[in-house]
N, C-alpha and C. Protein backbone atom coordinates (compact mmCIF):
# COMPACT_ATOMS: atom_id res chain seq x y z
N GLN A 1 -8.76 167.01 236.84
CA GLN A 1 -9.08 165.97 238.29
C GLN A 1 -10.55 165.43 237.83
N VAL A 2 -11.00 164.62 238.06
CA VAL A 2 -12.06 164.26 238.71
C VAL A 2 -12.81 164.62 239.78
N GLN A 3 -13.92 165.24 240.55
CA GLN A 3 -13.62 164.81 241.87
C GLN A 3 -15.59 164.81 242.08
N LEU A 4 -16.15 164.23 242.96
CA LEU A 4 -17.57 164.24 242.98
C LEU A 4 -17.46 164.23 245.11
N VAL A 5 -18.10 165.48 245.23
CA VAL A 5 -18.72 166.22 246.53
C VAL A 5 -20.55 165.70 247.00
N GLU A 6 -20.50 164.93 248.02
CA GLU A 6 -21.76 165.12 248.14
C GLU A 6 -22.33 165.56 249.30
N SER A 7 -23.67 165.69 249.97
CA SER A 7 -23.64 166.70 251.26
C SER A 7 -25.47 166.42 250.93
N GLY A 8 -25.52 166.98 251.91
CA GLY A 8 -26.99 166.45 252.15
C GLY A 8 -27.19 165.76 253.04
N GLY A 9 -26.18 164.27 253.42
CA GLY A 9 -26.76 163.49 254.63
C GLY A 9 -26.60 164.17 255.86
N GLY A 10 -27.67 163.50 256.68
CA GLY A 10 -27.64 164.26 258.79
C GLY A 10 -28.66 163.33 259.36
N LEU A 11 -28.72 163.79 260.13
CA LEU A 11 -29.48 162.73 260.88
C LEU A 11 -30.93 163.03 261.19
N VAL A 12 -31.95 161.91 260.77
CA VAL A 12 -33.25 162.34 260.25
C VAL A 12 -34.46 161.28 261.85
N GLN A 13 -35.01 161.56 261.74
CA GLN A 13 -36.27 160.26 262.70
C GLN A 13 -36.97 160.37 261.37
N ALA A 14 -37.18 158.57 261.92
CA ALA A 14 -37.98 157.83 260.52
C ALA A 14 -38.89 157.62 260.10
N GLY A 15 -39.19 157.75 258.99
CA GLY A 15 -40.32 158.46 258.36
C GLY A 15 -40.00 159.57 257.73
N GLY A 16 -39.10 160.69 258.16
CA GLY A 16 -39.16 161.81 257.39
C GLY A 16 -38.35 161.70 255.85
N SER A 17 -37.61 163.01 255.64
CA SER A 17 -37.08 163.03 254.55
C SER A 17 -36.09 163.67 253.94
N LEU A 18 -34.69 163.22 253.06
CA LEU A 18 -33.17 163.95 253.18
C LEU A 18 -33.42 163.68 251.58
N ARG A 19 -32.10 164.70 251.22
CA ARG A 19 -31.88 165.39 250.03
C ARG A 19 -30.63 164.67 249.71
N LEU A 20 -30.64 164.30 249.26
CA LEU A 20 -28.69 163.64 248.93
C LEU A 20 -28.40 165.14 247.47
N SER A 21 -27.25 165.37 247.52
CA SER A 21 -27.03 165.81 246.35
C SER A 21 -24.84 165.82 246.18
N CYS A 22 -25.03 165.74 245.81
CA CYS A 22 -23.18 165.21 244.61
C CYS A 22 -22.83 166.30 243.71
N ALA A 23 -22.06 166.48 243.87
CA ALA A 23 -21.48 167.84 242.58
C ALA A 23 -20.64 167.32 241.90
N ALA A 24 -20.50 167.11 240.43
CA ALA A 24 -19.67 166.69 240.29
C ALA A 24 -18.45 168.13 239.05
N SER A 25 -16.90 167.61 239.02
CA SER A 25 -16.48 168.67 238.72
C SER A 25 -15.44 167.83 238.65
N GLY A 26 -14.52 168.63 236.52
CA GLY A 26 -13.60 168.51 236.31
C GLY A 26 -14.07 167.45 235.54
N ILE A 27 -15.54 166.81 235.12
CA ILE A 27 -16.08 166.18 233.90
C ILE A 27 -17.75 167.01 233.91
N THR A 28 -17.94 166.87 232.18
CA THR A 28 -19.12 166.54 232.13
C THR A 28 -19.64 165.89 231.87
N PHE A 29 -21.53 165.48 232.76
CA PHE A 29 -22.07 164.62 232.01
C PHE A 29 -22.94 164.23 230.29
N SER A 30 -21.92 163.37 230.86
CA SER A 30 -22.45 162.96 228.93
C SER A 30 -23.08 161.71 228.15
N SER A 31 -21.95 160.73 228.92
CA SER A 31 -22.22 160.00 228.88
C SER A 31 -22.09 158.68 229.69
N GLY A 32 -22.11 157.61 229.52
CA GLY A 32 -22.41 156.62 231.35
C GLY A 32 -23.68 157.05 231.92
N GLY A 33 -22.80 156.95 233.39
CA GLY A 33 -24.25 156.82 234.09
C GLY A 33 -23.61 157.22 235.89
N MET A 34 -24.20 157.36 236.53
CA MET A 34 -24.33 158.24 237.92
C MET A 34 -24.92 157.07 238.84
N GLY A 35 -24.52 157.52 239.75
CA GLY A 35 -25.47 156.38 240.83
C GLY A 35 -24.85 155.97 242.54
N TRP A 36 -26.02 155.96 243.09
CA TRP A 36 -25.91 156.80 244.36
C TRP A 36 -24.97 154.61 245.43
N PHE A 37 -24.47 154.37 245.94
CA PHE A 37 -24.81 152.79 246.53
C PHE A 37 -24.64 154.01 248.66
N ARG A 38 -24.61 152.94 249.34
CA ARG A 38 -24.65 153.12 250.67
C ARG A 38 -24.04 151.35 251.33
N GLN A 39 -22.73 152.23 252.57
CA GLN A 39 -22.31 151.04 253.89
C GLN A 39 -22.52 151.66 254.72
N ALA A 40 -23.56 150.16 255.03
CA ALA A 40 -24.22 150.21 256.52
C ALA A 40 -22.84 150.03 257.14
N PRO A 41 -22.34 150.05 258.86
CA PRO A 41 -21.01 149.37 259.94
C PRO A 41 -21.69 147.94 259.24
N GLY A 42 -20.43 147.34 259.03
CA GLY A 42 -20.18 146.18 259.69
C GLY A 42 -20.97 145.31 258.48
N LYS A 43 -21.69 145.93 256.91
CA LYS A 43 -21.52 145.59 255.46
C LYS A 43 -21.11 146.19 254.78
N GLU A 44 -21.52 144.63 253.47
CA GLU A 44 -20.84 145.25 252.56
C GLU A 44 -21.26 146.27 252.26
N ARG A 45 -20.25 147.26 250.73
CA ARG A 45 -22.16 148.31 250.22
C ARG A 45 -22.79 147.55 249.04
N GLU A 46 -24.06 149.03 248.26
CA GLU A 46 -24.30 147.78 248.62
C GLU A 46 -25.16 149.18 246.69
N PHE A 47 -25.69 148.50 245.73
CA PHE A 47 -26.02 149.65 245.01
C PHE A 47 -27.79 149.72 245.39
N VAL A 48 -28.40 150.97 245.47
CA VAL A 48 -29.27 152.32 245.97
C VAL A 48 -30.02 152.81 244.62
N ALA A 49 -29.84 152.86 244.03
CA ALA A 49 -30.48 153.87 243.07
C ALA A 49 -28.86 154.61 241.62
N ALA A 50 -29.71 154.33 240.29
CA ALA A 50 -28.72 154.88 239.38
C ALA A 50 -29.82 154.88 238.87
N LEU A 51 -28.35 155.91 237.41
CA LEU A 51 -29.21 156.73 236.55
C LEU A 51 -28.03 157.18 235.16
N SER A 52 -29.04 156.86 234.11
CA SER A 52 -27.89 156.56 232.24
C SER A 52 -28.05 157.96 231.77
N TRP A 53 -27.41 158.28 232.05
CA TRP A 53 -26.64 159.54 231.17
C TRP A 53 -27.48 159.71 229.52
N THR A 54 -26.87 158.62 229.51
CA THR A 54 -27.22 159.13 227.40
C THR A 54 -29.59 158.89 227.61
N TYR A 55 -29.97 157.98 228.39
CA TYR A 55 -30.80 157.29 227.95
C TYR A 55 -31.80 158.64 229.77
N GLY A 56 -31.70 158.71 230.12
CA GLY A 56 -32.20 159.10 231.25
C GLY A 56 -32.69 158.19 231.58
N ARG A 57 -33.14 156.62 231.51
CA ARG A 57 -33.24 155.29 232.59
C ARG A 57 -32.65 155.71 234.05
N THR A 58 -33.44 155.54 234.36
CA THR A 58 -33.13 155.01 236.58
C THR A 58 -33.86 153.53 236.60
N TYR A 59 -32.61 153.42 237.31
CA TYR A 59 -32.93 151.99 238.76
C TYR A 59 -32.55 152.24 239.64
N TYR A 60 -33.26 151.21 240.15
CA TYR A 60 -33.34 150.87 242.19
C TYR A 60 -33.69 149.69 242.79
N ALA A 61 -33.13 149.95 243.56
CA ALA A 61 -32.93 148.71 244.32
C ALA A 61 -34.30 148.44 245.00
N ASN A 62 -34.19 147.16 245.61
CA ASN A 62 -35.75 146.87 245.95
C ASN A 62 -35.99 148.01 247.55
N SER A 63 -34.84 148.02 248.05
CA SER A 63 -35.15 148.15 249.16
C SER A 63 -35.61 149.47 249.33
N ALA A 64 -35.37 150.95 248.17
CA ALA A 64 -35.15 151.88 247.65
C ALA A 64 -36.65 152.53 246.80
N LYS A 65 -36.94 151.18 246.22
CA LYS A 65 -38.34 151.47 244.97
C LYS A 65 -39.27 152.23 246.27
N GLY A 66 -39.82 152.95 245.24
CA GLY A 66 -41.28 153.89 245.73
C GLY A 66 -40.77 154.90 247.32
N ARG A 67 -40.12 154.78 247.64
CA ARG A 67 -39.14 155.96 248.22
C ARG A 67 -38.24 156.57 247.96
N PHE A 68 -37.31 156.41 246.91
CA PHE A 68 -35.50 157.40 246.58
C PHE A 68 -36.56 156.89 245.35
N THR A 69 -36.47 158.99 245.29
CA THR A 69 -35.78 158.96 243.20
C THR A 69 -34.29 160.18 242.92
N ILE A 70 -33.33 159.55 242.03
CA ILE A 70 -32.58 159.68 241.32
C ILE A 70 -33.07 160.91 240.34
N SER A 71 -32.03 162.11 240.59
CA SER A 71 -32.36 162.97 240.21
C SER A 71 -31.35 163.18 239.37
N ARG A 72 -30.73 164.36 238.83
CA ARG A 72 -29.95 165.67 237.95
C ARG A 72 -30.29 166.31 237.43
N ASP A 73 -29.26 166.81 238.19
CA ASP A 73 -29.44 168.78 236.60
C ASP A 73 -28.28 169.16 235.84
N ASN A 74 -27.92 168.96 234.63
CA ASN A 74 -27.20 168.70 234.34
C ASN A 74 -26.67 170.53 234.10
N ALA A 75 -26.66 171.09 234.28
CA ALA A 75 -26.44 172.22 234.15
C ALA A 75 -25.86 172.43 235.45
N LYS A 76 -26.38 171.91 236.65
CA LYS A 76 -25.39 172.46 237.88
C LYS A 76 -23.92 170.50 237.94
N ASN A 77 -24.42 170.11 236.92
CA ASN A 77 -23.12 168.94 237.14
C ASN A 77 -23.55 168.23 238.47
N THR A 78 -25.20 167.79 238.95
CA THR A 78 -25.40 167.43 240.04
C THR A 78 -25.92 165.98 239.62
N LEU A 79 -25.91 165.77 240.56
CA LEU A 79 -26.78 164.56 241.33
C LEU A 79 -27.83 164.32 242.72
N TYR A 80 -28.87 164.17 242.54
CA TYR A 80 -29.79 164.14 243.79
C TYR A 80 -30.46 162.52 243.73
N LEU A 81 -30.89 162.57 245.61
CA LEU A 81 -31.18 161.51 245.70
C LEU A 81 -32.19 161.39 246.47
N GLN A 82 -32.99 162.30 246.59
CA GLN A 82 -34.87 161.96 246.74
C GLN A 82 -35.05 161.08 247.96
N MET A 83 -34.31 160.84 249.66
CA MET A 83 -35.02 160.48 250.65
C MET A 83 -36.18 160.29 250.72
N ASN A 84 -36.99 159.25 250.83
CA ASN A 84 -38.16 159.58 251.56
C ASN A 84 -39.25 157.76 252.48
N SER A 85 -40.09 158.67 253.11
CA SER A 85 -39.97 157.38 254.83
C SER A 85 -39.05 156.64 254.94
N LEU A 86 -38.17 157.14 255.13
CA LEU A 86 -36.32 156.65 256.01
C LEU A 86 -37.24 155.64 257.28
N LYS A 87 -36.43 154.87 256.75
CA LYS A 87 -36.16 154.05 257.34
C LYS A 87 -34.91 153.24 258.58
N LEU A 88 -35.39 153.44 259.36
CA LEU A 88 -34.08 153.12 260.52
C LEU A 88 -32.88 152.34 260.04
N GLU A 89 -33.15 150.92 258.73
CA GLU A 89 -31.89 150.28 257.99
C GLU A 89 -31.91 151.25 257.00
N ASP A 90 -32.09 152.28 256.74
CA ASP A 90 -30.93 152.78 255.82
C ASP A 90 -30.60 153.80 256.06
N THR A 91 -29.79 153.32 257.63
CA THR A 91 -29.18 154.92 258.11
C THR A 91 -27.97 153.94 258.25
N ALA A 92 -26.86 154.51 256.83
CA ALA A 92 -25.70 154.06 256.00
C ALA A 92 -24.59 155.63 255.94
N VAL A 93 -23.36 154.92 256.03
CA VAL A 93 -22.35 156.12 254.65
C VAL A 93 -22.97 156.45 253.56
N TYR A 94 -23.00 157.00 252.67
CA TYR A 94 -24.10 156.85 250.66
C TYR A 94 -22.89 157.52 250.16
N TYR A 95 -22.78 156.42 248.82
CA TYR A 95 -21.65 157.27 248.57
C TYR A 95 -22.27 157.73 246.86
N CYS A 96 -21.01 158.57 246.40
CA CYS A 96 -22.33 158.68 244.92
C CYS A 96 -20.60 158.32 244.27
N THR A 97 -21.39 157.81 242.73
CA THR A 97 -20.49 157.15 242.26
C THR A 97 -20.97 157.72 240.65
N MET A 98 -19.58 157.25 239.51
CA MET A 98 -20.04 158.60 238.34
C MET A 98 -19.02 156.89 236.90
N VAL A 99 -19.44 155.86 236.86
CA VAL A 99 -18.91 155.77 235.33
C VAL A 99 -18.95 156.25 234.41
N VAL A 100 -17.47 156.81 234.15
CA VAL A 100 -17.13 156.67 231.94
C VAL A 100 -16.25 156.17 231.60
N GLY A 101 -16.96 155.30 231.26
CA GLY A 101 -16.08 154.69 229.58
C GLY A 101 -15.46 152.79 231.05
N SER A 102 -14.52 153.29 230.94
CA SER A 102 -14.58 152.38 231.74
C SER A 102 -13.74 152.44 233.64
N THR A 103 -14.02 154.19 233.25
CA THR A 103 -13.43 154.19 234.79
C THR A 103 -14.54 154.38 235.58
N THR A 104 -14.50 154.53 236.95
CA THR A 104 -14.84 154.38 238.33
C THR A 104 -14.92 155.52 239.19
N TYR A 105 -15.21 156.03 239.23
CA TYR A 105 -15.73 157.17 240.61
C TYR A 105 -16.36 157.60 241.25
N TRP A 106 -15.67 157.77 243.05
CA TRP A 106 -15.93 157.51 244.03
C TRP A 106 -16.29 159.08 244.85
N GLY A 107 -17.69 160.06 245.16
CA GLY A 107 -17.24 160.17 246.20
C GLY A 107 -16.21 159.78 247.81
N GLN A 108 -17.17 161.02 248.92
CA GLN A 108 -15.93 160.67 249.87
C GLN A 108 -17.32 159.73 250.41
N GLY A 109 -18.75 160.37 250.13
CA GLY A 109 -19.37 159.76 251.53
C GLY A 109 -20.07 160.71 252.14
N THR A 110 -21.61 160.69 252.44
CA THR A 110 -22.30 161.42 253.68
C THR A 110 -23.34 160.16 254.44
N GLN A 111 -22.96 160.92 255.38
CA GLN A 111 -23.11 159.92 256.52
C GLN A 111 -25.09 160.92 256.75
N VAL A 112 -25.67 159.69 256.50
CA VAL A 112 -27.38 159.18 256.88
C VAL A 112 -27.54 158.92 258.38
N THR A 113 -28.46 159.16 259.35
CA THR A 113 -28.39 158.61 260.11
C THR A 113 -29.60 158.24 260.69
N VAL A 114 -30.31 157.47 260.76
CA VAL A 114 -32.40 157.75 260.39
C VAL A 114 -32.62 156.89 262.16
N SER A 115 -33.05 158.00 262.58
CA SER A 115 -33.43 157.44 264.99
C SER A 115 -35.26 157.23 264.65
N SER A 116 -34.67 156.38 266.01
CA SER A 116 -36.88 156.47 265.57
C SER A 116 -37.39 157.62 266.95
């Protein structure tokens, strides 16, 4: 059974940093990709960043470019999202997702709250 477990969320002041982690179990990183989405209160879930397993390419939403970095540790089966220069509008529940073939898996989410 595939499980994605996020961690690393919390409360941080504007301008601060957080690193989110997503530990995958029940599946080995081999093909497809993984990424991060987020959902703020009253808003739709939106794309943040993604990483292609095969070619290692990274993709970012405009809101994340220059501030967030997505990376992986194959040995630990873990995906990361380093978030710097956090803004109030980054407040949301952050979800890890994995796509393998035609199947998409989601984690339970981790709350990130940015305060002024």
